Amino acid sequence: MLEQSFRVLTVASHPVPYAVVVFRELSRCPQIDFQVAYCSLRGQEAGLDPEFGIGVQWDVPLLDGYEWSHVPNRASGTESFLGLYNPGLWKLIREGRFDALNCHLSYHCASFWIAFFAARLSGTAFLFGTDATSLTPRASSRWKSHFKRFLWPSLFGLADQVTVPSSAGAELMRSLGIANERISLTHFVIDNNWWTDQAARSDRLATRTAWGVSEHDLVVLFSAKLQPWKRPLDLLRAFAGAAVPNSVLVFAGEGPERGEIERQAAALGIASRIRLLGFINQSRLPSVYASADLFVLPSSYDPCPVVVCEAMVCGLPVVISDEIRGRFDLVQPGVTGNIFPCGDVNALAKNLRRLLSDRAALAVLGENARIRMTTWSPRENVAATVEAIKRAVAHRRKDDSSSVTSSDSDSRPSARGSSKQ
């Protein structure tokens, strides 16, 4: 007996490297007739990334291997409600006869709501989610937390299936009253095979030589946007406090904190042991990870960063703050890395001192990290996404059937209403 297939549309804001690998796999899945609608081509085309603060154009293929279309944006493209306004989504969804729509847009933008109402009127199952692991916003505004506590149960109740990338995200949804059967864990993943292959091909000695780093030095890596909430200055201070001999701290990324990193490194007397690489494009990142010994991300807000996957698949132990709850599925203290209290520079310094003092133990953690990633890959994401689509379609058809039955029942006169007096 042939398994049922589904016609599926994913609506995404723009092409990003970690998403397209899943799109390619879904396009090869026999159960899915799959296509993507992009609301912009930022990343594929050169454009300002507001968080990097520079123009970014990814140097790996983003539009190959799956069916896609570009729905023109009629708005500003900024981070606002009208930043994405793509009215063409309405016709695409209404005429597309899709079984399911997987929406990768934020509910903060107009196009999310265009997609939602078009799907509802078409009887199309609607999936969307969040990478959030708590109600606390990036900017610590208490009213926003209260607002989310009030709004989010109703908001996510609109989904036929809520997709989350972490166990912590699933727990958040359950705390809001979303039924467990309406929640699907669809991991944020990377192309494990590509990263492993590229890391293996990289020349560790040549990369380190370009950095002015000896093959015997211990390299601590931070790879992320240099934004305040990523807390790169915490790592800088902890590195200075750890005072591990023959160690170097490398920052791969760009952003507004760069100047302050340079100033504080000079003030702490460690400028000669700091490397600021700036923005590193995708094709060069595997060699950066492969040339390091330990990855650290001390963010105060970073729900489910893919850089953790990148580091681990390249064989790096990972140290993260306890605010990065979306990666507790991967970072296991004493097994694949460690977790420290966010903002506690002394605790982070102790972690650096202990981990960097034993190269053999560090290598074991790195190999454990690599092994952990064998079951956190596009394969698991695609399987979970297909299951989420099945559940969403079943839920939508059940709801639509119930609505029709209820409507028919309401339209028929009741025994009491039809009796003659």
Protein backbone atom coordinates (compact mmCIF):
# COMPACT_ATOMS: atom_id res chain seq x y z
CA MET A 1 0.00 0.00 0.00
CA LEU A 2 1.47 3.35 -1.04
CA GLU A 3 2.02 5.86 1.73
CA GLN A 4 0.11 9.12 1.43
CA SER A 5 2.08 12.07 0.06
CA PHE A 6 1.61 15.73 0.92
CA ARG A 7 1.97 18.94 -1.06
CA VAL A 8 3.92 21.28 1.22
CA LEU A 9 4.96 24.93 1.04
CA THR A 10 7.56 26.44 3.34
CA VAL A 11 7.51 30.23 3.61
CA ALA A 12 10.85 31.69 4.70
CA SER A 13 12.11 35.22 5.17
CA HIS A 14 15.36 34.64 3.23
CA PRO A 15 17.84 31.86 2.37
CA VAL A 16 20.14 30.79 5.20
CA PRO A 17 22.77 28.03 5.02
CA TYR A 18 21.50 25.84 7.86
CA ALA A 19 17.93 25.78 6.51
CA VAL A 20 18.62 24.99 2.87
CA VAL A 21 20.24 21.64 3.69
CA VAL A 22 16.91 20.54 5.19
CA PHE A 23 15.02 21.94 2.20
CA ARG A 24 17.16 19.83 -0.13
CA GLU A 25 16.51 16.71 1.92
CA LEU A 26 12.76 17.38 2.05
CA SER A 27 12.69 17.83 -1.73
CA ARG A 28 14.08 14.29 -2.05
CA CYS A 29 11.57 12.82 0.39
CA PRO A 30 9.02 10.62 -1.49
CA GLN A 31 6.27 11.57 0.95
CA ILE A 32 6.60 15.30 0.25
CA ASP A 33 5.92 17.42 -2.85
CA PHE A 34 7.98 20.33 -1.57
CA GLN A 35 8.67 23.94 -2.46
CA VAL A 36 9.88 27.10 -0.73
CA ALA A 37 8.65 30.69 -1.08
CA TYR A 38 11.19 33.33 -0.05
CA CYS A 39 10.07 36.77 1.06
CA SER A 40 13.49 38.22 0.20
CA LEU A 41 16.80 36.98 -1.16
CA ARG A 42 19.00 38.58 1.50
CA GLY A 43 22.06 36.43 1.99
CA GLN A 44 21.90 35.09 -1.54
CA GLU A 45 22.20 38.70 -2.70
CA ALA A 46 24.53 41.13 -0.97
CA GLY A 47 22.81 43.18 1.69
CA LEU A 48 23.36 44.79 5.07
CA ASP A 49 23.08 42.42 8.01
CA PRO A 50 21.91 44.69 10.85
CA GLU A 51 23.55 42.57 13.58
CA PHE A 52 26.91 42.07 11.86
CA GLY A 53 26.76 45.73 10.89
CA ILE A 54 28.26 44.94 7.45
CA GLY A 55 27.11 43.72 4.06
CA VAL A 56 26.81 39.92 3.95
CA GLN A 57 26.52 37.58 1.01
CA TRP A 58 26.98 33.88 1.76
CA ASP A 59 29.58 32.13 -0.40
CA VAL A 60 27.93 28.68 -0.52
CA PRO A 61 25.03 27.63 -2.81
CA LEU A 62 21.70 28.49 -1.24
CA LEU A 63 19.16 27.98 -4.01
CA ASP A 64 20.27 24.66 -5.51
CA GLY A 65 18.59 21.28 -5.09
CA TYR A 66 14.98 22.24 -4.33
CA GLU A 67 12.08 24.13 -5.90
CA TRP A 68 11.78 27.74 -4.80
CA SER A 69 10.21 31.03 -5.75
CA HIS A 70 10.71 34.64 -4.71
CA VAL A 71 7.61 36.53 -3.62
CA PRO A 72 8.44 40.26 -3.91
CA ASN A 73 8.53 42.28 -0.71
CA ARG A 74 6.54 45.50 -1.00
CA ALA A 75 7.91 46.98 2.22
CA SER A 76 11.08 48.25 3.86
CA GLY A 77 12.85 45.00 4.69
CA THR A 78 13.59 46.32 8.18
CA GLU A 79 12.99 44.52 11.49
CA SER A 80 9.43 45.80 11.90
CA PHE A 81 5.86 44.64 11.35
CA LEU A 82 5.88 46.08 7.85
CA GLY A 83 9.46 45.03 7.17
CA LEU A 84 8.11 42.02 5.31
CA TYR A 85 4.90 42.64 3.39
CA ASN A 86 4.56 40.10 0.59
CA PRO A 87 0.99 40.28 -0.76
CA GLY A 88 1.82 37.72 -3.46
CA LEU A 89 1.75 35.04 -0.76
CA TRP A 90 -2.03 35.30 -0.72
CA LYS A 91 -2.47 34.13 -4.33
CA LEU A 92 0.29 31.54 -4.07
CA ILE A 93 -1.29 29.87 -1.04
CA ARG A 94 -4.93 30.24 -2.09
CA GLU A 95 -4.30 28.74 -5.53
CA GLY A 96 -1.56 26.28 -4.59
CA ARG A 97 -3.75 23.49 -3.21
CA PHE A 98 -1.20 22.74 -0.49
CA ASP A 99 -1.86 20.21 2.23
CA ALA A 100 0.42 22.03 4.65
CA LEU A 101 2.22 25.33 5.03
CA ASN A 102 5.33 25.43 7.23
CA CYS A 103 5.84 29.07 8.13
CA HIS A 104 9.37 30.17 9.04
CA LEU A 105 8.36 33.81 9.53
CA SER A 106 8.03 35.67 12.81
CA TYR A 107 4.52 36.58 13.90
CA HIS A 108 5.91 40.11 14.26
CA CYS A 109 5.75 40.65 10.49
CA ALA A 110 2.76 41.27 8.23
CA SER A 111 3.58 38.41 5.86
CA PHE A 112 3.12 35.86 8.65
CA TRP A 113 -0.50 36.89 8.94
CA ILE A 114 -1.03 36.96 5.18
CA ALA A 115 0.21 33.36 5.10
CA PHE A 116 -1.88 32.33 8.10
CA PHE A 117 -5.22 33.68 6.86
CA ALA A 118 -4.61 32.42 3.32
CA ALA A 119 -3.91 28.95 4.74
CA ARG A 120 -6.98 28.99 6.95
CA LEU A 121 -9.30 29.98 4.11
CA SER A 122 -7.75 27.28 1.92
CA GLY A 123 -8.07 24.49 4.48
CA THR A 124 -4.28 24.19 4.53
CA ALA A 125 -2.64 22.91 7.70
CA PHE A 126 -0.48 25.64 9.25
CA LEU A 127 2.75 24.87 11.10
CA PHE A 128 4.91 27.45 12.82
CA GLY A 129 7.01 27.72 15.92
CA THR A 130 9.74 29.47 17.83
CA ASP A 131 13.27 28.84 19.03
CA ALA A 132 12.45 30.52 22.36
CA THR A 133 13.10 28.61 25.56
CA SER A 134 11.64 31.17 27.97
CA LEU A 135 9.38 34.20 27.95
CA THR A 136 12.26 36.52 28.80
CA PRO A 137 13.01 38.86 25.87
CA ARG A 138 16.48 39.86 24.75
CA ALA A 139 15.95 43.33 26.17
CA SER A 140 14.94 42.84 29.79
CA SER A 141 11.51 44.52 29.60
CA ARG A 142 9.27 42.89 32.19
CA TRP A 143 6.08 43.99 30.43
CA LYS A 144 7.08 41.93 27.39
CA SER A 145 7.29 38.78 29.50
CA HIS A 146 3.84 39.43 30.96
CA PHE A 147 2.49 40.19 27.50
CA LYS A 148 3.86 36.92 26.14
CA ARG A 149 2.45 34.98 29.06
CA PHE A 150 -0.98 36.36 28.15
CA LEU A 151 -0.67 36.24 24.34
CA TRP A 152 1.35 33.17 23.47
CA PRO A 153 -1.12 30.44 24.53
CA SER A 154 -3.63 31.88 22.06
CA LEU A 155 -1.00 32.63 19.43
CA PHE A 156 0.53 29.15 19.34
CA GLY A 157 -2.92 27.66 19.73
CA LEU A 158 -3.49 28.83 16.13
CA ALA A 159 -0.95 26.29 14.85
CA ASP A 160 -2.02 22.87 13.69
CA GLN A 161 1.44 21.86 14.85
CA VAL A 162 3.96 23.94 16.83
CA THR A 163 7.56 23.27 15.78
CA VAL A 164 10.39 23.80 18.26
CA PRO A 165 14.12 23.05 17.84
CA SER A 166 14.90 21.96 21.39
CA SER A 167 13.57 20.06 24.40
CA ALA A 168 13.59 23.33 26.34
CA GLY A 169 11.37 24.88 23.68
CA ALA A 170 8.95 21.97 23.92
CA GLU A 171 8.82 22.41 27.70
CA LEU A 172 8.02 26.11 27.26
CA MET A 173 5.12 25.29 24.96
CA ARG A 174 3.75 22.73 27.43
CA SER A 175 3.96 25.35 30.20
CA LEU A 176 1.73 27.59 28.06
CA GLY A 177 -0.90 24.88 27.83
CA ILE A 178 -0.13 23.62 24.33
CA ALA A 179 -0.98 19.92 24.21
CA ASN A 180 1.99 17.61 23.80
CA GLU A 181 0.56 16.04 20.64
CA ARG A 182 0.52 19.52 19.04
CA ILE A 183 4.27 20.03 19.62
CA SER A 184 6.98 18.70 17.28
CA LEU A 185 10.70 18.75 18.04
CA THR A 186 12.38 19.57 14.72
CA HIS A 187 16.06 20.14 15.47
CA PHE A 188 17.99 23.13 14.19
CA VAL A 189 20.73 21.32 12.29
CA ILE A 190 23.57 21.85 9.85
CA ASP A 191 24.88 19.80 6.94
CA ASN A 192 26.93 17.43 9.10
CA ASN A 193 28.55 15.68 6.13
CA TRP A 194 29.68 18.93 4.51
CA TRP A 195 31.10 20.33 7.76
CA THR A 196 32.90 17.09 8.62
CA ASP A 197 34.37 16.81 5.14
CA GLN A 198 35.48 20.45 5.00
CA ALA A 199 37.02 20.29 8.47
CA ALA A 200 38.95 17.14 7.53
CA ARG A 201 40.27 18.87 4.39
CA SER A 202 41.43 21.98 6.24
CA ASP A 203 45.10 22.66 6.97
CA ARG A 204 45.23 23.30 10.72
CA LEU A 205 48.88 24.33 10.73
CA ALA A 206 48.47 26.74 7.81
CA THR A 207 45.43 28.35 9.39
CA ARG A 208 47.19 28.79 12.72
CA THR A 209 50.26 30.18 11.01
CA ALA A 210 48.06 32.76 9.30
CA TRP A 211 46.78 33.73 12.75
CA GLY A 212 50.30 33.95 14.14
CA VAL A 213 49.56 31.01 16.43
CA SER A 214 51.90 28.09 17.15
CA GLU A 215 50.81 24.49 16.59
CA HIS A 216 51.51 23.96 20.32
CA ASP A 217 49.26 26.81 21.51
CA LEU A 218 45.78 26.16 22.92
CA VAL A 219 43.14 28.09 20.97
CA VAL A 220 39.84 29.16 22.54
CA LEU A 221 37.28 30.15 19.90
CA PHE A 222 34.29 32.49 19.96
CA SER A 223 32.33 32.41 16.68
CA ALA A 224 29.30 34.68 16.63
CA LYS A 225 28.19 38.24 16.03
CA LEU A 226 30.00 40.62 18.38
CA GLN A 227 26.79 41.82 20.00
CA PRO A 228 26.30 42.73 23.69
CA TRP A 229 23.92 39.82 24.37
CA LYS A 230 26.53 37.36 23.10
CA ARG A 231 28.75 38.67 25.94
CA PRO A 232 32.14 38.40 24.19
CA LEU A 233 33.62 40.69 26.86
CA ASP A 234 32.82 38.08 29.53
CA LEU A 235 34.96 35.60 27.64
CA LEU A 236 37.74 38.15 27.18
CA ARG A 237 37.87 38.86 30.93
CA ALA A 238 37.62 35.17 31.85
CA PHE A 239 40.44 34.35 29.44
CA ALA A 240 42.60 37.03 31.06
CA GLY A 241 41.71 35.71 34.52
CA ALA A 242 42.42 32.10 33.64
CA ALA A 243 45.97 33.03 32.62
CA VAL A 244 46.61 29.69 30.93
CA PRO A 245 50.15 29.60 29.48
CA ASN A 246 50.49 29.25 25.69
CA SER A 247 46.82 30.00 25.05
CA VAL A 248 45.21 32.30 22.47
CA LEU A 249 41.66 33.63 22.23
CA VAL A 250 40.20 33.95 18.72
CA PHE A 251 37.07 35.95 17.88
CA ALA A 252 35.45 35.02 14.54
CA GLY A 253 32.71 37.52 13.84
CA GLU A 254 31.90 41.18 13.46
CA GLY A 255 29.73 43.64 15.34
CA PRO A 256 29.58 46.69 17.61
CA GLU A 257 31.57 45.12 20.47
CA ARG A 258 34.75 44.84 18.41
CA GLY A 259 36.17 48.19 19.48
CA GLU A 260 35.54 47.50 23.16
CA ILE A 261 37.19 44.07 22.86
CA GLU A 262 40.30 45.73 21.45
CA ARG A 263 40.33 48.39 24.19
CA GLN A 264 39.84 45.98 27.05
CA ALA A 265 42.36 43.48 25.67
CA ALA A 266 44.96 46.25 25.71
CA ALA A 267 43.95 47.34 29.22
CA LEU A 268 44.17 43.75 30.49
CA GLY A 269 47.60 43.32 28.93
CA ILE A 270 46.55 40.43 26.69
CA ALA A 271 46.27 42.14 23.28
CA SER A 272 49.09 39.98 21.91
CA ARG A 273 47.10 36.83 22.74
CA ILE A 274 43.86 37.98 21.07
CA ARG A 275 42.94 37.47 17.41
CA LEU A 276 40.00 39.30 15.82
CA LEU A 277 39.25 37.65 12.48
CA GLY A 278 36.22 39.72 11.53
CA PHE A 279 33.34 38.24 9.53
CA ILE A 280 34.19 34.74 8.24
CA ASN A 281 32.08 33.46 5.38
CA GLN A 282 30.61 29.96 5.37
CA SER A 283 33.20 28.24 3.18
CA ARG A 284 36.06 29.28 5.51
CA LEU A 285 34.39 28.49 8.84
CA PRO A 286 35.19 24.75 9.00
CA SER A 287 38.93 25.47 8.95
CA VAL A 288 38.45 27.98 11.78
CA TYR A 289 36.76 25.37 14.01
CA ALA A 290 39.23 22.67 13.00
CA SER A 291 42.12 24.92 14.06
CA ALA A 292 40.75 25.58 17.56
CA ASP A 293 40.76 23.46 20.73
CA LEU A 294 37.73 24.72 22.66
CA PHE A 295 34.58 26.64 21.73
CA VAL A 296 32.93 29.06 24.15
CA LEU A 297 29.63 30.95 23.87
CA PRO A 298 28.72 32.99 26.99
CA SER A 299 25.47 34.57 25.70
CA SER A 300 22.76 35.92 27.95
CA TYR A 301 20.22 35.55 25.12
CA ASP A 302 20.78 32.90 22.46
CA PRO A 303 17.93 30.39 22.39
CA CYS A 304 19.28 27.76 19.98
CA PRO A 305 22.50 28.82 18.22
CA VAL A 306 23.64 26.70 15.27
CA VAL A 307 27.27 27.59 15.98
CA VAL A 308 27.18 24.99 18.75
CA CYS A 309 26.37 22.34 16.12
CA GLU A 310 29.14 23.65 13.87
CA ALA A 311 31.72 23.47 16.65
CA MET A 312 30.70 20.01 17.85
CA VAL A 313 30.54 18.39 14.43
CA CYS A 314 34.09 19.69 13.87
CA GLY A 315 35.18 17.92 17.06
CA LEU A 316 35.31 20.80 19.53
CA PRO A 317 34.22 20.60 23.18
CA VAL A 318 31.73 23.39 23.92
CA VAL A 319 31.28 25.61 26.96
CA ILE A 320 28.04 27.60 27.07
CA SER A 321 26.21 29.75 29.59
CA ASP A 322 23.16 28.40 31.38
CA GLU A 323 20.98 30.85 29.43
CA ILE A 324 21.51 28.86 26.22
CA ARG A 325 18.93 26.28 27.24
CA GLY A 326 18.15 25.32 23.67
CA ARG A 327 21.52 23.57 23.47
CA PHE A 328 21.29 21.55 26.67
CA ASP A 329 20.29 18.67 24.39
CA LEU A 330 23.84 18.72 23.03
CA VAL A 331 26.19 20.18 25.64
CA GLN A 332 26.45 17.64 28.44
CA PRO A 333 28.70 18.70 31.35
CA GLY A 334 31.73 16.48 31.58
CA VAL A 335 30.82 14.63 28.38
CA THR A 336 30.78 17.08 25.47
CA GLY A 337 31.73 20.27 27.31
CA ASN A 338 30.39 22.28 30.20
CA ILE A 339 27.78 24.83 31.31
CA PHE A 340 28.45 27.80 33.58
CA PRO A 341 26.25 30.50 35.19
CA CYS A 342 25.72 33.34 32.73
CA GLY A 343 27.65 36.47 33.66
CA ASP A 344 29.88 34.68 36.19
CA VAL A 345 33.29 35.55 34.76
CA ASN A 346 35.13 33.76 37.58
CA ALA A 347 33.23 30.53 36.93
CA LEU A 348 34.04 30.76 33.24
CA ALA A 349 37.71 31.41 34.04
CA LYS A 350 37.77 28.29 36.22
CA ASN A 351 36.27 26.28 33.36
CA LEU A 352 38.93 27.55 30.97
CA ARG A 353 41.74 26.85 33.43
CA ARG A 354 40.53 23.30 34.16
CA LEU A 355 39.70 22.30 30.57
CA LEU A 356 42.85 23.73 29.03
CA SER A 357 45.08 22.14 31.63
CA ASP A 358 44.52 18.60 30.30
CA ARG A 359 44.93 18.25 26.55
CA ALA A 360 44.12 14.52 26.57
CA ALA A 361 40.83 15.06 28.44
CA LEU A 362 40.00 17.96 26.12
CA ALA A 363 40.48 15.68 23.11
CA VAL A 364 38.12 13.09 24.61
CA LEU A 365 35.42 15.74 25.09
CA GLY A 366 35.91 16.80 21.48
CA GLU A 367 35.49 13.27 20.19
CA ASN A 368 32.38 12.85 22.36
CA ALA A 369 31.00 16.04 20.82
CA ARG A 370 31.60 14.70 17.33
CA ILE A 371 29.87 11.40 18.19
CA ARG A 372 26.89 13.22 19.76
CA MET A 373 26.26 15.01 16.48
CA THR A 374 25.78 11.74 14.56
CA THR A 375 22.20 11.66 15.84
CA TRP A 376 21.57 15.41 15.50
CA SER A 377 21.56 15.80 11.75
CA PRO A 378 19.33 16.60 8.75
CA ARG A 379 18.17 12.98 8.84
CA GLU A 380 16.50 13.48 12.24
CA ASN A 381 15.13 16.89 11.24
CA VAL A 382 13.49 15.58 8.06
CA ALA A 383 11.93 12.60 9.85
CA ALA A 384 10.52 14.91 12.53
CA THR A 385 9.30 17.45 9.97
CA VAL A 386 7.46 14.80 7.95
CA GLU A 387 5.81 13.51 11.13
CA ALA A 388 4.86 17.08 12.11
CA ILE A 389 3.26 17.60 8.69
CA LYS A 390 1.26 14.39 9.03
CA ARG A 391 -0.01 15.44 12.44
CA ALA A 392 -0.83 18.96 11.26
CA VAL A 393 -2.77 17.76 8.22
CA ALA A 394 -4.71 15.25 10.34
CA HIS A 395 -5.54 17.98 12.86
CA ARG A 396 -6.67 20.45 10.19
CA ARG A 397 -8.85 17.88 8.44
CA LYS A 398 -10.39 16.86 11.73
CA ASP A 399 -11.10 20.49 12.63
CA ASP A 400 -12.55 21.25 9.20
CA SER A 401 -14.69 18.12 9.34
CA SER A 402 -15.95 19.05 12.81
CA SER A 403 -16.77 22.56 11.61
CA VAL A 404 -18.74 21.24 8.63
CA THR A 405 -20.62 18.73 10.80
CA SER A 406 -21.38 21.41 13.36
CA SER A 407 -22.52 23.81 10.65
CA ASP A 408 -24.80 21.18 9.07
CA SER A 409 -26.26 20.36 12.47
CA ASP A 410 -26.91 24.01 13.25
CA SER A 411 -28.65 24.51 9.91
CA ARG A 412 -31.14 21.68 10.55
CA PRO A 413 -34.19 22.54 12.70
CA SER A 414 -34.18 20.84 16.05
CA ALA A 415 -37.08 18.61 17.11
CA ARG A 416 -38.18 21.29 19.51
CA GLY A 417 -37.96 24.09 16.95
CA SER A 418 -39.89 22.16 14.29
CA SER A 419 -42.81 21.03 16.47
CA LYS A 420 -46.12 22.76 15.83
CA GLN A 421 -47.88 24.51 18.65
